[in-house]
N, C-alpha and C. Protein backbone atom coordinates (compact mmCIF):
# COMPACT_ATOMS: atom_id res chain seq x y z
N MET A 1 0.82 -1.19 0.00
CA MET A 1 0.00 0.00 0.00
C MET A 1 0.86 1.25 0.00
N GLN A 2 1.88 1.25 0.85
CA GLN A 2 2.77 2.41 0.93
C GLN A 2 3.53 2.62 -0.38
N ARG A 3 3.83 1.54 -1.07
CA ARG A 3 4.54 1.63 -2.34
C ARG A 3 3.69 2.35 -3.39
N VAL A 4 2.41 2.03 -3.42
CA VAL A 4 1.51 2.67 -4.38
C VAL A 4 1.38 4.15 -4.04
N LEU A 5 1.31 4.47 -2.75
CA LEU A 5 1.21 5.86 -2.32
C LEU A 5 2.47 6.64 -2.70
N LYS A 6 3.64 6.03 -2.50
CA LYS A 6 4.89 6.68 -2.89
C LYS A 6 4.96 6.90 -4.40
N LEU A 7 4.52 5.90 -5.16
CA LEU A 7 4.51 6.04 -6.62
C LEU A 7 3.58 7.16 -7.06
N SER A 8 2.44 7.29 -6.39
CA SER A 8 1.53 8.36 -6.78
C SER A 8 2.13 9.73 -6.48
N TYR A 9 2.86 9.86 -5.37
CA TYR A 9 3.51 11.14 -5.07
C TYR A 9 4.64 11.42 -6.04
N ILE A 10 5.41 10.42 -6.39
CA ILE A 10 6.48 10.61 -7.37
C ILE A 10 5.88 11.01 -8.71
N GLY A 11 4.80 10.36 -9.09
CA GLY A 11 4.12 10.70 -10.34
C GLY A 11 3.58 12.12 -10.32
N SER A 12 3.00 12.53 -9.19
CA SER A 12 2.44 13.87 -9.09
C SER A 12 3.54 14.94 -9.13
N LEU A 13 4.63 14.70 -8.43
CA LEU A 13 5.74 15.66 -8.45
C LEU A 13 6.37 15.76 -9.84
N SER A 14 6.51 14.62 -10.51
CA SER A 14 7.07 14.67 -11.86
C SER A 14 6.10 15.36 -12.82
N ALA A 15 4.81 15.17 -12.61
CA ALA A 15 3.83 15.86 -13.46
C ALA A 15 3.91 17.37 -13.27
N LEU A 16 4.06 17.80 -12.03
CA LEU A 16 4.22 19.24 -11.79
C LEU A 16 5.50 19.76 -12.42
N GLY A 17 6.56 18.99 -12.32
CA GLY A 17 7.82 19.41 -12.93
C GLY A 17 7.73 19.53 -14.43
N VAL A 18 7.10 18.57 -15.04
CA VAL A 18 6.95 18.60 -16.51
C VAL A 18 5.99 19.70 -16.92
N ALA A 19 4.96 19.94 -16.14
CA ALA A 19 3.97 20.96 -16.49
C ALA A 19 4.57 22.35 -16.46
N THR A 20 5.53 22.57 -15.59
CA THR A 20 6.12 23.90 -15.48
C THR A 20 7.34 24.08 -16.37
N CYS A 21 7.55 23.15 -17.28
CA CYS A 21 8.77 23.20 -18.10
C CYS A 21 8.83 24.42 -19.01
N CYS A 22 7.73 24.99 -19.36
CA CYS A 22 7.75 26.16 -20.23
C CYS A 22 7.49 27.46 -19.46
N VAL A 23 6.88 27.35 -18.30
CA VAL A 23 6.63 28.52 -17.48
C VAL A 23 7.87 28.85 -16.66
N LEU A 24 8.56 27.83 -16.20
CA LEU A 24 9.73 27.99 -15.35
C LEU A 24 10.86 28.78 -16.00
N PRO A 25 11.21 28.55 -17.27
CA PRO A 25 12.28 29.33 -17.88
C PRO A 25 11.99 30.84 -17.92
N ILE A 26 10.77 31.20 -18.21
CA ILE A 26 10.44 32.63 -18.26
C ILE A 26 10.52 33.22 -16.86
N THR A 27 10.07 32.48 -15.88
CA THR A 27 10.17 32.94 -14.50
C THR A 27 11.63 33.12 -14.11
N MET A 28 12.47 32.19 -14.51
CA MET A 28 13.90 32.29 -14.19
C MET A 28 14.55 33.47 -14.90
N MET A 29 14.12 33.74 -16.12
CA MET A 29 14.66 34.89 -16.84
C MET A 29 14.25 36.18 -16.14
N LEU A 30 13.03 36.23 -15.61
CA LEU A 30 12.59 37.40 -14.86
C LEU A 30 13.45 37.61 -13.62
N LEU A 31 13.92 36.53 -13.04
CA LEU A 31 14.77 36.61 -11.85
C LEU A 31 16.24 36.82 -12.20
N GLY A 32 16.56 36.87 -13.50
CA GLY A 32 17.94 37.08 -13.93
C GLY A 32 18.76 35.80 -13.98
N LEU A 33 18.12 34.67 -14.03
CA LEU A 33 18.83 33.39 -14.04
C LEU A 33 18.80 32.73 -15.41
N GLY A 34 18.71 33.50 -16.48
CA GLY A 34 18.65 32.95 -17.82
C GLY A 34 19.97 32.37 -18.26
N GLY A 35 19.95 31.71 -19.38
CA GLY A 35 21.16 31.12 -19.92
C GLY A 35 20.84 30.09 -20.97
N SER A 36 21.88 29.58 -21.59
CA SER A 36 21.67 28.61 -22.67
C SER A 36 21.19 27.26 -22.14
N TRP A 37 21.36 27.01 -20.87
CA TRP A 37 20.92 25.75 -20.30
C TRP A 37 19.39 25.62 -20.32
N LEU A 38 18.68 26.70 -20.53
CA LEU A 38 17.22 26.67 -20.56
C LEU A 38 16.68 25.90 -21.77
N ALA A 39 17.52 25.65 -22.77
CA ALA A 39 17.09 24.90 -23.95
C ALA A 39 16.71 23.47 -23.61
N ILE A 40 17.16 22.97 -22.48
CA ILE A 40 16.85 21.60 -22.07
C ILE A 40 15.36 21.42 -21.80
N PHE A 41 14.66 22.51 -21.45
CA PHE A 41 13.23 22.40 -21.14
C PHE A 41 12.40 22.06 -22.38
N GLY A 42 12.89 22.36 -23.56
CA GLY A 42 12.16 22.01 -24.78
C GLY A 42 12.03 20.51 -24.95
N LYS A 43 13.06 19.78 -24.58
CA LYS A 43 13.02 18.32 -24.67
C LYS A 43 12.05 17.74 -23.64
N ILE A 44 11.99 18.36 -22.49
CA ILE A 44 11.08 17.89 -21.45
C ILE A 44 9.63 18.13 -21.87
N ALA A 45 9.38 19.25 -22.54
CA ALA A 45 8.01 19.60 -22.95
C ALA A 45 7.42 18.56 -23.89
N ALA A 46 8.25 17.90 -24.66
CA ALA A 46 7.76 16.90 -25.61
C ALA A 46 7.12 15.70 -24.90
N ALA A 47 7.55 15.42 -23.69
CA ALA A 47 7.04 14.26 -22.96
C ALA A 47 5.99 14.63 -21.93
N SER A 48 5.57 15.88 -21.89
CA SER A 48 4.71 16.32 -20.79
C SER A 48 3.37 15.59 -20.74
N TYR A 49 2.73 15.39 -21.87
CA TYR A 49 1.42 14.73 -21.85
C TYR A 49 1.53 13.26 -21.43
N TYR A 50 2.63 12.60 -21.80
CA TYR A 50 2.82 11.21 -21.39
C TYR A 50 3.02 11.11 -19.89
N VAL A 51 3.85 12.00 -19.35
CA VAL A 51 4.11 11.99 -17.90
C VAL A 51 2.83 12.32 -17.14
N LEU A 52 2.07 13.29 -17.64
CA LEU A 52 0.81 13.65 -16.98
C LEU A 52 -0.19 12.49 -17.01
N ALA A 53 -0.26 11.79 -18.12
CA ALA A 53 -1.17 10.65 -18.22
C ALA A 53 -0.76 9.53 -17.26
N ILE A 54 0.53 9.26 -17.18
CA ILE A 54 1.01 8.22 -16.26
C ILE A 54 0.75 8.64 -14.82
N SER A 55 0.98 9.90 -14.51
CA SER A 55 0.73 10.39 -13.16
C SER A 55 -0.74 10.28 -12.79
N THR A 56 -1.61 10.64 -13.71
CA THR A 56 -3.04 10.54 -13.46
C THR A 56 -3.44 9.08 -13.23
N ALA A 57 -2.87 8.18 -14.00
CA ALA A 57 -3.15 6.74 -13.81
C ALA A 57 -2.66 6.26 -12.45
N LEU A 58 -1.48 6.70 -12.02
CA LEU A 58 -0.95 6.30 -10.72
C LEU A 58 -1.84 6.80 -9.58
N VAL A 59 -2.32 8.02 -9.69
CA VAL A 59 -3.20 8.57 -8.66
C VAL A 59 -4.52 7.78 -8.63
N ALA A 60 -5.05 7.47 -9.80
CA ALA A 60 -6.30 6.70 -9.85
C ALA A 60 -6.10 5.31 -9.24
N VAL A 61 -4.99 4.67 -9.53
CA VAL A 61 -4.70 3.35 -8.96
C VAL A 61 -4.56 3.45 -7.44
N SER A 62 -3.94 4.52 -6.96
CA SER A 62 -3.79 4.71 -5.52
C SER A 62 -5.15 4.83 -4.83
N TRP A 63 -6.04 5.60 -5.44
CA TRP A 63 -7.39 5.71 -4.89
C TRP A 63 -8.09 4.36 -4.89
N LEU A 64 -7.96 3.62 -5.97
CA LEU A 64 -8.61 2.32 -6.09
C LEU A 64 -8.08 1.32 -5.06
N VAL A 65 -6.76 1.26 -4.91
CA VAL A 65 -6.16 0.33 -3.96
C VAL A 65 -6.56 0.70 -2.53
N SER A 66 -6.54 1.98 -2.21
CA SER A 66 -6.93 2.38 -0.85
C SER A 66 -8.41 2.08 -0.60
N TYR A 67 -9.23 2.21 -1.61
CA TYR A 67 -10.65 1.89 -1.47
C TYR A 67 -10.85 0.39 -1.24
N GLN A 68 -10.11 -0.42 -2.00
CA GLN A 68 -10.24 -1.87 -1.87
C GLN A 68 -9.76 -2.38 -0.51
N HIS A 69 -8.73 -1.74 0.03
CA HIS A 69 -8.19 -2.16 1.33
C HIS A 69 -8.90 -1.48 2.50
N GLY A 70 -9.83 -0.60 2.20
CA GLY A 70 -10.57 0.07 3.26
C GLY A 70 -9.74 1.07 4.06
N SER A 71 -8.70 1.59 3.46
CA SER A 71 -7.82 2.52 4.18
C SER A 71 -7.96 3.94 3.66
N GLN A 72 -9.09 4.26 3.08
CA GLN A 72 -9.29 5.61 2.56
C GLN A 72 -9.29 6.65 3.66
N LYS A 73 -9.85 6.33 4.82
CA LYS A 73 -9.90 7.30 5.91
C LYS A 73 -8.50 7.65 6.41
N GLN A 74 -7.61 6.66 6.44
CA GLN A 74 -6.25 6.90 6.92
C GLN A 74 -5.42 7.68 5.90
N LEU A 75 -5.66 7.43 4.64
CA LEU A 75 -4.81 7.99 3.58
C LEU A 75 -5.46 9.12 2.80
N LYS A 76 -6.64 9.56 3.22
CA LYS A 76 -7.37 10.51 2.38
C LYS A 76 -6.61 11.81 2.17
N TRP A 77 -5.85 12.29 3.16
CA TRP A 77 -5.12 13.55 2.99
C TRP A 77 -3.93 13.37 2.04
N TRP A 78 -3.28 12.21 2.12
CA TRP A 78 -2.18 11.93 1.19
C TRP A 78 -2.71 11.81 -0.23
N LEU A 79 -3.80 11.08 -0.37
CA LEU A 79 -4.38 10.90 -1.69
C LEU A 79 -4.93 12.21 -2.24
N LEU A 80 -5.51 13.01 -1.38
CA LEU A 80 -6.00 14.32 -1.81
C LEU A 80 -4.84 15.20 -2.27
N GLY A 81 -3.71 15.12 -1.57
CA GLY A 81 -2.52 15.89 -1.97
C GLY A 81 -2.02 15.51 -3.35
N THR A 82 -1.96 14.20 -3.62
CA THR A 82 -1.49 13.77 -4.95
C THR A 82 -2.48 14.18 -6.03
N THR A 83 -3.77 14.11 -5.70
CA THR A 83 -4.79 14.49 -6.67
C THR A 83 -4.71 15.97 -6.99
N VAL A 84 -4.52 16.79 -5.97
CA VAL A 84 -4.41 18.24 -6.18
C VAL A 84 -3.17 18.58 -6.99
N MET A 85 -2.03 17.94 -6.68
CA MET A 85 -0.81 18.22 -7.43
C MET A 85 -0.95 17.85 -8.90
N THR A 86 -1.54 16.70 -9.16
CA THR A 86 -1.73 16.27 -10.55
C THR A 86 -2.72 17.18 -11.27
N GLY A 87 -3.78 17.55 -10.57
CA GLY A 87 -4.74 18.49 -11.16
C GLY A 87 -4.11 19.83 -11.47
N LEU A 88 -3.26 20.32 -10.56
CA LEU A 88 -2.56 21.58 -10.79
C LEU A 88 -1.64 21.48 -12.01
N ALA A 89 -1.01 20.34 -12.17
CA ALA A 89 -0.15 20.14 -13.34
C ALA A 89 -0.96 20.22 -14.63
N TRP A 90 -2.15 19.60 -14.65
CA TRP A 90 -3.00 19.69 -15.83
C TRP A 90 -3.44 21.12 -16.10
N VAL A 91 -3.76 21.87 -15.04
CA VAL A 91 -4.17 23.27 -15.21
C VAL A 91 -3.03 24.09 -15.81
N VAL A 92 -1.82 23.88 -15.31
CA VAL A 92 -0.66 24.62 -15.83
C VAL A 92 -0.44 24.30 -17.30
N VAL A 93 -0.57 23.04 -17.67
CA VAL A 93 -0.38 22.65 -19.07
C VAL A 93 -1.43 23.29 -19.97
N PHE A 94 -2.68 23.28 -19.53
CA PHE A 94 -3.76 23.83 -20.36
C PHE A 94 -3.71 25.36 -20.47
N TYR A 95 -3.21 26.03 -19.43
CA TYR A 95 -3.16 27.49 -19.43
C TYR A 95 -1.74 28.02 -19.57
N GLU A 96 -0.87 27.22 -20.13
CA GLU A 96 0.54 27.56 -20.27
C GLU A 96 0.75 28.85 -21.07
N ALA A 97 0.04 29.00 -22.16
CA ALA A 97 0.21 30.19 -23.01
C ALA A 97 -0.20 31.45 -22.25
N ARG A 98 -1.29 31.38 -21.53
CA ARG A 98 -1.74 32.55 -20.77
C ARG A 98 -0.77 32.90 -19.64
N ILE A 99 -0.25 31.88 -18.99
CA ILE A 99 0.71 32.12 -17.91
C ILE A 99 1.98 32.74 -18.48
N ASN A 100 2.45 32.21 -19.61
CA ASN A 100 3.64 32.78 -20.25
C ASN A 100 3.41 34.23 -20.67
N ASP A 101 2.23 34.53 -21.24
CA ASP A 101 1.93 35.91 -21.62
C ASP A 101 1.95 36.83 -20.41
N LEU A 102 1.40 36.37 -19.32
CA LEU A 102 1.39 37.15 -18.09
C LEU A 102 2.81 37.42 -17.60
N LEU A 103 3.67 36.41 -17.67
CA LEU A 103 5.05 36.58 -17.23
C LEU A 103 5.83 37.49 -18.17
N ILE A 104 5.57 37.37 -19.46
CA ILE A 104 6.26 38.23 -20.43
C ILE A 104 5.88 39.69 -20.23
N MET A 105 4.65 39.93 -19.86
CA MET A 105 4.22 41.31 -19.60
C MET A 105 4.96 41.91 -18.41
N GLN A 106 5.48 41.08 -17.54
CA GLN A 106 6.21 41.56 -16.36
C GLN A 106 7.65 41.94 -16.70
N MET A 107 8.12 41.58 -17.86
CA MET A 107 9.51 41.89 -18.25
C MET A 107 9.68 43.35 -18.58
């Protein structure tokens, strides 16, 4: 059970990381941390939907396993945390252009 919970958190954190791959470079440039190393984020962006889909599947499996074992009451805050993180990652991906425009306006 704990293994599934850990996998769902790893999946959620990686989904957030992948989702911010295009917003993060602009934010770093605003902070003066730009550089040629930012080109690496383009390669990460290509895999973002796959990572998000896997993360969503891991969270769903975690909910299912906790439901089957009757441990939803004990793990509901952990599961809610992974669900919120994965949902936030999807929101960032869908509104990426708007977020980038907002950040560019701050330059």
